[in-house]
Amino acid sequence: MSAHAIESRVSTLDEVQTRIEATLWGALTLDPDRSASTPLHELVSSLAGPAELEHLAAAAAGVASAQLENFPENLFWDFDCYLASVHENAAASDDYAAYLERTTRTTVGLMRLYGQQSKIRFRYVHDFMYGFDWARWVRRDPASRVGADPFGLSFLSESESRGRGILDLIEADDTWYPRLEEAVARNPFPFSREPEDELVLYRDLSARDCIPVRAWRVDATPDWSRDFDALREARAKALALID
């Protein structure tokens, strides 16, 4: 790995970071103690050693770019837990670079599958990055899923299967997942997910420690043990975000 290659990757990270900061709401975080998410360059540098830096920087740039492209209205940009998790898993594998490449490819595919370029058209990637999807999945079969990493390949593969199933429902114009008009974001939840409401709700959940994966921490301990969907809906009702 040459110094030029590392410099190129870091430059790409800085470009992606600039794009995040230029979004309508900026580089927001759910960390109650900060106003902005950890810059990608800073995060990657804190996690990776010299031999790993280029590969982790490429993974960070790829996933962050995919979020920007497929979820242009996304509000919160915490990558700390995600990158710490995939870095740790890659370091424990037989081939660090190959593992990261596979994980990045799968994650980017999920962004395309669920985002605004797809028929699914979810507005945000929050439910994935902050663990709501993962916690729900573990709770359905904890005996076999306890210990599954929110960003490990087993759950990423499960998310792919779920997305393909949702596309089948949309094709059939399902009641829960109907076909949508063009440029309409999908919201299968009973509470509002307009940006202003999403900001209020998720900040409230973070302040109450009702987030399954504290994605703003590299040392986060994912928690599936509570019914986070019910907690979120209860807080949405309390905040008058349900009609």
C-alpha atoms as a PDB file:
ATOM      1  CA  MET A   1       0.000   0.000   0.000  1.00  0.00           C
ATOM      2  CA  SER A   2       1.549   3.266  -1.129  1.00  0.00           C
ATOM      3  CA  ALA A   3       1.390   6.629   0.546  1.00  0.00           C
ATOM      4  CA  HIS A   4      -0.312   7.919  -2.592  1.00  0.00           C
ATOM      5  CA  ALA A   5      -3.070   5.297  -2.292  1.00  0.00           C
ATOM      6  CA  ILE A   6      -3.715   6.227   1.328  1.00  0.00           C
ATOM      7  CA  GLU A   7      -3.751   9.927   0.497  1.00  0.00           C
ATOM      8  CA  SER A   8      -6.235   9.264  -2.318  1.00  0.00           C
ATOM      9  CA  ARG A   9      -8.567   7.340  -0.008  1.00  0.00           C
ATOM     10  CA  VAL A  10      -8.401  10.051   2.640  1.00  0.00           C
ATOM     11  CA  SER A  11      -9.158  12.680   0.010  1.00  0.00           C
ATOM     12  CA  THR A  12     -12.214  10.697  -1.065  1.00  0.00           C
ATOM     13  CA  LEU A  13     -13.373  10.489   2.554  1.00  0.00           C
ATOM     14  CA  ASP A  14     -13.063  14.241   2.897  1.00  0.00           C
ATOM     15  CA  GLU A  15     -15.101  14.731  -0.281  1.00  0.00           C
ATOM     16  CA  VAL A  16     -17.873  12.468   1.034  1.00  0.00           C
ATOM     17  CA  GLN A  17     -17.779  14.256   4.386  1.00  0.00           C
ATOM     18  CA  THR A  18     -18.223  17.583   2.608  1.00  0.00           C
ATOM     19  CA  ARG A  19     -21.281  16.186   0.813  1.00  0.00           C
ATOM     20  CA  ILE A  20     -22.772  15.039   4.121  1.00  0.00           C
ATOM     21  CA  GLU A  21     -22.212  18.437   5.692  1.00  0.00           C
ATOM     22  CA  ALA A  22     -23.836  20.088   2.665  1.00  0.00           C
ATOM     23  CA  THR A  23     -27.124  18.198   3.118  1.00  0.00           C
ATOM     24  CA  LEU A  24     -30.107  20.228   4.277  1.00  0.00           C
ATOM     25  CA  TRP A  25     -29.677  19.398   7.973  1.00  0.00           C
ATOM     26  CA  GLY A  26     -25.907  18.846   7.962  1.00  0.00           C
ATOM     27  CA  ALA A  27     -23.918  16.080   9.650  1.00  0.00           C
ATOM     28  CA  LEU A  28     -26.255  15.497  12.582  1.00  0.00           C
ATOM     29  CA  THR A  29     -25.657  12.922  15.298  1.00  0.00           C
ATOM     30  CA  LEU A  30     -27.894  11.197  17.840  1.00  0.00           C
ATOM     31  CA  ASP A  31     -25.203  11.535  20.473  1.00  0.00           C
ATOM     32  CA  PRO A  32     -26.878  13.610  23.200  1.00  0.00           C
ATOM     33  CA  ASP A  33     -23.537  15.207  24.036  1.00  0.00           C
ATOM     34  CA  ARG A  34     -22.571  16.429  20.550  1.00  0.00           C
ATOM     35  CA  SER A  35     -24.151  18.368  17.721  1.00  0.00           C
ATOM     36  CA  ALA A  36     -22.285  16.765  14.805  1.00  0.00           C
ATOM     37  CA  SER A  37     -21.354  13.214  13.875  1.00  0.00           C
ATOM     38  CA  THR A  38     -17.730  12.056  13.929  1.00  0.00           C
ATOM     39  CA  PRO A  39     -16.007  13.058  10.656  1.00  0.00           C
ATOM     40  CA  LEU A  40     -15.276  10.005   8.522  1.00  0.00           C
ATOM     41  CA  HIS A  41     -11.546  10.699   8.255  1.00  0.00           C
ATOM     42  CA  GLU A  42     -11.224  11.033  12.011  1.00  0.00           C
ATOM     43  CA  LEU A  43     -13.230   7.868  12.630  1.00  0.00           C
ATOM     44  CA  VAL A  44     -11.309   5.713  10.164  1.00  0.00           C
ATOM     45  CA  SER A  45      -7.955   6.977  11.434  1.00  0.00           C
ATOM     46  CA  SER A  46      -8.912   6.113  15.015  1.00  0.00           C
ATOM     47  CA  LEU A  47      -9.839   2.533  14.120  1.00  0.00           C
ATOM     48  CA  ALA A  48      -7.443   1.330  11.437  1.00  0.00           C
ATOM     49  CA  GLY A  49      -3.739   0.606  11.543  1.00  0.00           C
ATOM     50  CA  PRO A  50      -1.412   1.519   8.669  1.00  0.00           C
ATOM     51  CA  ALA A  51      -2.042  -1.760   6.835  1.00  0.00           C
ATOM     52  CA  GLU A  52      -5.800  -1.436   7.202  1.00  0.00           C
ATOM     53  CA  LEU A  53      -6.342   2.268   6.633  1.00  0.00           C
ATOM     54  CA  GLU A  54      -6.809   2.221   2.868  1.00  0.00           C
ATOM     55  CA  HIS A  55      -9.327  -0.625   3.018  1.00  0.00           C
ATOM     56  CA  LEU A  56     -11.414   0.815   5.852  1.00  0.00           C
ATOM     57  CA  ALA A  57     -11.392   4.239   4.207  1.00  0.00           C
ATOM     58  CA  ALA A  58     -12.726   2.672   1.008  1.00  0.00           C
ATOM     59  CA  ALA A  59     -15.468   0.906   2.983  1.00  0.00           C
ATOM     60  CA  ALA A  60     -16.449   4.108   4.794  1.00  0.00           C
ATOM     61  CA  ALA A  61     -16.540   6.133   1.582  1.00  0.00           C
ATOM     62  CA  GLY A  62     -18.549   3.465  -0.241  1.00  0.00           C
ATOM     63  CA  VAL A  63     -21.220   3.087   2.419  1.00  0.00           C
ATOM     64  CA  ALA A  64     -21.522   6.809   3.148  1.00  0.00           C
ATOM     65  CA  SER A  65     -21.790   7.597  -0.576  1.00  0.00           C
ATOM     66  CA  ALA A  66     -24.502   4.966  -0.946  1.00  0.00           C
ATOM     67  CA  GLN A  67     -26.452   6.557   1.896  1.00  0.00           C
ATOM     68  CA  LEU A  68     -26.200   9.970   0.275  1.00  0.00           C
ATOM     69  CA  GLU A  69     -27.323   8.652  -3.099  1.00  0.00           C
ATOM     70  CA  ASN A  70     -30.166   6.426  -1.923  1.00  0.00           C
ATOM     71  CA  PHE A  71     -31.344   8.318   1.153  1.00  0.00           C
ATOM     72  CA  PRO A  72     -30.802  11.974   0.186  1.00  0.00           C
ATOM     73  CA  GLU A  73     -33.118  13.146   2.991  1.00  0.00           C
ATOM     74  CA  ASN A  74     -31.335  11.161   5.702  1.00  0.00           C
ATOM     75  CA  LEU A  75     -30.856  13.191   8.879  1.00  0.00           C
ATOM     76  CA  PHE A  76     -28.369  11.427  11.165  1.00  0.00           C
ATOM     77  CA  TRP A  77     -24.920  10.355   9.998  1.00  0.00           C
ATOM     78  CA  ASP A  78     -23.377   8.243  12.758  1.00  0.00           C
ATOM     79  CA  PHE A  79     -21.042   5.616  11.311  1.00  0.00           C
ATOM     80  CA  ASP A  80     -19.002   4.925  14.456  1.00  0.00           C
ATOM     81  CA  CYS A  81     -20.531   1.607  15.487  1.00  0.00           C
ATOM     82  CA  TYR A  82     -20.929   0.373  11.916  1.00  0.00           C
ATOM     83  CA  LEU A  83     -17.287   0.966  11.003  1.00  0.00           C
ATOM     84  CA  ALA A  84     -15.981  -0.316  14.338  1.00  0.00           C
ATOM     85  CA  SER A  85     -18.036  -3.475  13.887  1.00  0.00           C
ATOM     86  CA  VAL A  86     -17.020  -4.252  10.311  1.00  0.00           C
ATOM     87  CA  HIS A  87     -13.397  -3.413  11.134  1.00  0.00           C
ATOM     88  CA  GLU A  88     -13.390  -5.816  14.084  1.00  0.00           C
ATOM     89  CA  ASN A  89     -15.056  -8.577  12.077  1.00  0.00           C
ATOM     90  CA  ALA A  90     -12.647  -8.082   9.190  1.00  0.00           C
ATOM     91  CA  ALA A  91      -9.650  -8.196  11.531  1.00  0.00           C
ATOM     92  CA  ALA A  92     -10.899 -11.533  12.890  1.00  0.00           C
ATOM     93  CA  SER A  93     -11.350 -12.993   9.397  1.00  0.00           C
ATOM     94  CA  ASP A  94      -8.781 -14.735   7.219  1.00  0.00           C
ATOM     95  CA  ASP A  95      -8.588 -11.819   4.792  1.00  0.00           C
ATOM     96  CA  TYR A  96      -9.205  -8.292   6.093  1.00  0.00           C
ATOM     97  CA  ALA A  97      -9.548  -6.634   2.693  1.00  0.00           C
ATOM     98  CA  ALA A  98     -11.769  -9.350   1.197  1.00  0.00           C
ATOM     99  CA  TYR A  99     -14.115  -9.342   4.191  1.00  0.00           C
ATOM    100  CA  LEU A 100     -14.480  -5.555   4.079  1.00  0.00           C
ATOM    101  CA  GLU A 101     -15.082  -5.618   0.341  1.00  0.00           C
ATOM    102  CA  ARG A 102     -17.848  -8.218   0.731  1.00  0.00           C
ATOM    103  CA  THR A 103     -19.472  -6.369   3.629  1.00  0.00           C
ATOM    104  CA  THR A 104     -19.307  -3.047   1.810  1.00  0.00           C
ATOM    105  CA  ARG A 105     -20.773  -4.531  -1.353  1.00  0.00           C
ATOM    106  CA  THR A 106     -23.634  -6.089   0.618  1.00  0.00           C
ATOM    107  CA  THR A 107     -24.338  -2.910   2.602  1.00  0.00           C
ATOM    108  CA  VAL A 108     -24.315  -0.734  -0.522  1.00  0.00           C
ATOM    109  CA  GLY A 109     -26.701  -3.224  -2.107  1.00  0.00           C
ATOM    110  CA  LEU A 110     -29.058  -2.806   0.849  1.00  0.00           C
ATOM    111  CA  MET A 111     -29.002   0.963   0.426  1.00  0.00           C
ATOM    112  CA  ARG A 112     -30.018   0.559  -3.196  1.00  0.00           C
ATOM    113  CA  LEU A 113     -32.646  -2.046  -2.338  1.00  0.00           C
ATOM    114  CA  TYR A 114     -34.415   0.005   0.326  1.00  0.00           C
ATOM    115  CA  GLY A 115     -33.721   3.581  -0.709  1.00  0.00           C
ATOM    116  CA  GLN A 116     -35.317   6.242  -2.874  1.00  0.00           C
ATOM    117  CA  GLN A 117     -34.081   4.707  -6.135  1.00  0.00           C
ATOM    118  CA  SER A 118     -36.020   1.517  -5.378  1.00  0.00           C
ATOM    119  CA  LYS A 119     -39.731   0.722  -5.353  1.00  0.00           C
ATOM    120  CA  ILE A 120     -39.451   0.369  -1.578  1.00  0.00           C
ATOM    121  CA  ARG A 121     -38.452   4.023  -1.177  1.00  0.00           C
ATOM    122  CA  PHE A 122     -37.800   4.365   2.526  1.00  0.00           C
ATOM    123  CA  ARG A 123     -36.885   7.927   3.418  1.00  0.00           C
ATOM    124  CA  TYR A 124     -34.154   7.283   5.969  1.00  0.00           C
ATOM    125  CA  VAL A 125     -31.569   4.656   6.820  1.00  0.00           C
ATOM    126  CA  HIS A 126     -32.040   5.289  10.551  1.00  0.00           C
ATOM    127  CA  ASP A 127     -33.856   2.025  11.302  1.00  0.00           C
ATOM    128  CA  PHE A 128     -30.895   0.062   9.935  1.00  0.00           C
ATOM    129  CA  MET A 129     -28.021   2.084  11.377  1.00  0.00           C
ATOM    130  CA  TYR A 130     -29.612   2.491  14.822  1.00  0.00           C
ATOM    131  CA  GLY A 131     -30.606  -1.166  15.072  1.00  0.00           C
ATOM    132  CA  PHE A 132     -34.405  -1.129  15.055  1.00  0.00           C
ATOM    133  CA  ASP A 133     -34.537  -3.641  12.197  1.00  0.00           C
ATOM    134  CA  TRP A 134     -31.902  -5.838  13.842  1.00  0.00           C
ATOM    135  CA  ALA A 135     -33.499  -5.796  17.320  1.00  0.00           C
ATOM    136  CA  ARG A 136     -36.885  -6.758  15.855  1.00  0.00           C
ATOM    137  CA  TRP A 137     -35.262  -9.638  13.956  1.00  0.00           C
ATOM    138  CA  VAL A 138     -33.439 -10.973  17.031  1.00  0.00           C
ATOM    139  CA  ARG A 139     -36.556 -10.774  19.202  1.00  0.00           C
ATOM    140  CA  ARG A 140     -38.449 -13.002  16.759  1.00  0.00           C
ATOM    141  CA  ASP A 141     -36.058 -15.893  17.424  1.00  0.00           C
ATOM    142  CA  PRO A 142     -33.644 -15.022  20.249  1.00  0.00           C
ATOM    143  CA  ALA A 143     -32.628 -18.636  20.830  1.00  0.00           C
ATOM    144  CA  SER A 144     -30.828 -18.775  17.486  1.00  0.00           C
ATOM    145  CA  ARG A 145     -30.046 -15.094  16.927  1.00  0.00           C
ATOM    146  CA  VAL A 146     -28.613 -13.863  20.218  1.00  0.00           C
ATOM    147  CA  GLY A 147     -25.071 -12.726  19.540  1.00  0.00           C
ATOM    148  CA  ALA A 148     -25.755 -11.804  15.910  1.00  0.00           C
ATOM    149  CA  ASP A 149     -23.935  -8.603  14.983  1.00  0.00           C
ATOM    150  CA  PRO A 150     -26.225  -5.792  13.743  1.00  0.00           C
ATOM    151  CA  PHE A 151     -23.751  -5.268  10.904  1.00  0.00           C
ATOM    152  CA  GLY A 152     -22.526  -8.838  10.476  1.00  0.00           C
ATOM    153  CA  LEU A 153     -22.995 -10.765   7.286  1.00  0.00           C
ATOM    154  CA  SER A 154     -25.757 -12.974   8.691  1.00  0.00           C
ATOM    155  CA  PHE A 155     -28.051 -10.041   9.409  1.00  0.00           C
ATOM    156  CA  LEU A 156     -27.059  -8.224   6.221  1.00  0.00           C
ATOM    157  CA  SER A 157     -28.068 -11.325   4.260  1.00  0.00           C
ATOM    158  CA  GLU A 158     -31.345 -11.501   6.162  1.00  0.00           C
ATOM    159  CA  SER A 159     -31.984  -7.851   5.278  1.00  0.00           C
ATOM    160  CA  GLU A 160     -31.462  -8.674   1.601  1.00  0.00           C
ATOM    161  CA  SER A 161     -34.046 -11.450   1.795  1.00  0.00           C
ATOM    162  CA  ARG A 162     -36.497  -9.189   3.614  1.00  0.00           C
ATOM    163  CA  GLY A 163     -36.079  -6.499   0.973  1.00  0.00           C
ATOM    164  CA  ARG A 164     -36.773  -8.909  -1.859  1.00  0.00           C
ATOM    165  CA  GLY A 165     -39.884 -10.050   0.015  1.00  0.00           C
ATOM    166  CA  ILE A 166     -41.064  -6.457   0.345  1.00  0.00           C
ATOM    167  CA  LEU A 167     -40.589  -5.937  -3.391  1.00  0.00           C
ATOM    168  CA  ASP A 168     -42.816  -8.962  -4.025  1.00  0.00           C
ATOM    169  CA  LEU A 169     -45.486  -7.447  -1.761  1.00  0.00           C
ATOM    170  CA  ILE A 170     -45.257  -4.122  -3.596  1.00  0.00           C
ATOM    171  CA  GLU A 171     -45.594  -5.855  -6.939  1.00  0.00           C
ATOM    172  CA  ALA A 172     -48.810  -7.460  -5.633  1.00  0.00           C
ATOM    173  CA  ASP A 173     -49.986  -4.038  -4.365  1.00  0.00           C
ATOM    174  CA  ASP A 174     -50.168  -5.366  -0.824  1.00  0.00           C
ATOM    175  CA  THR A 175     -52.264  -3.497   1.735  1.00  0.00           C
ATOM    176  CA  TRP A 176     -49.280  -2.938   4.033  1.00  0.00           C
ATOM    177  CA  TYR A 177     -46.760  -2.366   1.225  1.00  0.00           C
ATOM    178  CA  PRO A 178     -48.752  -0.910  -1.673  1.00  0.00           C
ATOM    179  CA  ARG A 179     -47.421   0.610  -4.850  1.00  0.00           C
ATOM    180  CA  LEU A 180     -46.619   4.302  -4.448  1.00  0.00           C
ATOM    181  CA  GLU A 181     -46.949   7.355  -6.606  1.00  0.00           C
ATOM    182  CA  GLU A 182     -43.678   8.636  -7.998  1.00  0.00           C
ATOM    183  CA  ALA A 183     -41.473  10.623  -5.578  1.00  0.00           C
ATOM    184  CA  VAL A 184     -43.530   9.553  -2.548  1.00  0.00           C
ATOM    185  CA  ALA A 185     -41.561   8.169   0.418  1.00  0.00           C
ATOM    186  CA  ARG A 186     -42.875   5.016   2.047  1.00  0.00           C
ATOM    187  CA  ASN A 187     -43.949   5.067   5.691  1.00  0.00           C
ATOM    188  CA  PRO A 188     -45.433   1.806   7.000  1.00  0.00           C
ATOM    189  CA  PHE A 189     -45.500   3.167  10.558  1.00  0.00           C
ATOM    190  CA  PRO A 190     -48.434   4.861  12.324  1.00  0.00           C
ATOM    191  CA  PHE A 191     -46.394   7.942  13.253  1.00  0.00           C
ATOM    192  CA  SER A 192     -45.205  10.828  11.123  1.00  0.00           C
ATOM    193  CA  ARG A 193     -41.758  10.579   9.592  1.00  0.00           C
ATOM    194  CA  GLU A 194     -41.577  14.049   8.177  1.00  0.00           C
ATOM    195  CA  PRO A 195     -38.065  15.433   8.819  1.00  0.00           C
ATOM    196  CA  GLU A 196     -39.016  17.776  11.651  1.00  0.00           C
ATOM    197  CA  ASP A 197     -40.933  14.986  13.389  1.00  0.00           C
ATOM    198  CA  GLU A 198     -38.172  12.438  12.822  1.00  0.00           C
ATOM    199  CA  LEU A 199     -35.684  14.805  14.444  1.00  0.00           C
ATOM    200  CA  VAL A 200     -37.871  15.276  17.503  1.00  0.00           C
ATOM    201  CA  LEU A 201     -38.699  11.589  17.899  1.00  0.00           C
ATOM    202  CA  TYR A 202     -35.206  10.180  17.483  1.00  0.00           C
ATOM    203  CA  ARG A 203     -33.607  12.779  19.716  1.00  0.00           C
ATOM    204  CA  ASP A 204     -36.216  11.989  22.350  1.00  0.00           C
ATOM    205  CA  LEU A 205     -35.482   8.260  22.040  1.00  0.00           C
ATOM    206  CA  SER A 206     -31.746   8.876  22.288  1.00  0.00           C
ATOM    207  CA  ALA A 207     -32.136  11.020  25.404  1.00  0.00           C
ATOM    208  CA  ARG A 208     -34.200   8.229  26.999  1.00  0.00           C
ATOM    209  CA  ASP A 209     -31.713   5.500  25.981  1.00  0.00           C
ATOM    210  CA  CYS A 210     -34.334   3.856  23.769  1.00  0.00           C
ATOM    211  CA  ILE A 211     -32.061   3.207  20.780  1.00  0.00           C
ATOM    212  CA  PRO A 212     -31.085  -0.463  20.142  1.00  0.00           C
ATOM    213  CA  VAL A 213     -27.691   0.416  18.629  1.00  0.00           C
ATOM    214  CA  ARG A 214     -25.996   3.596  19.795  1.00  0.00           C
ATOM    215  CA  ALA A 215     -24.398   4.076  16.423  1.00  0.00           C
ATOM    216  CA  TRP A 216     -22.463   7.161  17.536  1.00  0.00           C
ATOM    217  CA  ARG A 217     -20.192   5.012  19.737  1.00  0.00           C
ATOM    218  CA  VAL A 218     -17.400   2.710  18.566  1.00  0.00           C
ATOM    219  CA  ASP A 219     -17.859   0.729  21.804  1.00  0.00           C
ATOM    220  CA  ALA A 220     -21.647   0.468  21.593  1.00  0.00           C
ATOM    221  CA  THR A 221     -23.300  -2.619  23.106  1.00  0.00           C
ATOM    222  CA  PRO A 222     -26.293  -3.491  20.900  1.00  0.00           C
ATOM    223  CA  ASP A 223     -29.478  -4.221  22.863  1.00  0.00           C
ATOM    224  CA  TRP A 224     -32.326  -6.349  21.510  1.00  0.00           C
ATOM    225  CA  SER A 225     -33.893  -7.186  24.888  1.00  0.00           C
ATOM    226  CA  ARG A 226     -36.587  -4.486  24.862  1.00  0.00           C
ATOM    227  CA  ASP A 227     -39.431  -3.993  22.407  1.00  0.00           C
ATOM    228  CA  PHE A 228     -37.973  -0.893  20.806  1.00  0.00           C
ATOM    229  CA  ASP A 229     -40.768  -0.685  18.242  1.00  0.00           C
ATOM    230  CA  ALA A 230     -43.344  -0.400  21.014  1.00  0.00           C
ATOM    231  CA  LEU A 231     -41.189   2.104  22.888  1.00  0.00           C
ATOM    232  CA  ARG A 232     -40.804   4.229  19.759  1.00  0.00           C
ATOM    233  CA  GLU A 233     -44.529   4.169  19.019  1.00  0.00           C
ATOM    234  CA  ALA A 234     -45.342   5.105  22.624  1.00  0.00           C
ATOM    235  CA  ARG A 235     -42.985   8.070  22.483  1.00  0.00           C
ATOM    236  CA  ALA A 236     -44.398   9.124  19.109  1.00  0.00           C
ATOM    237  CA  LYS A 237     -47.866   9.108  20.642  1.00  0.00           C
ATOM    238  CA  ALA A 238     -46.663  11.088  23.663  1.00  0.00           C
ATOM    239  CA  LEU A 239     -45.095  13.632  21.316  1.00  0.00           C
ATOM    240  CA  ALA A 240     -48.316  13.921  19.291  1.00  0.00           C
ATOM    241  CA  LEU A 241     -46.717  12.475  16.154  1.00  0.00           C
ATOM    242  CA  ILE A 242     -49.583  10.051  15.551  1.00  0.00           C
ATOM    243  CA  ASP A 243     -52.772  11.373  13.977  1.00  0.00           C
END
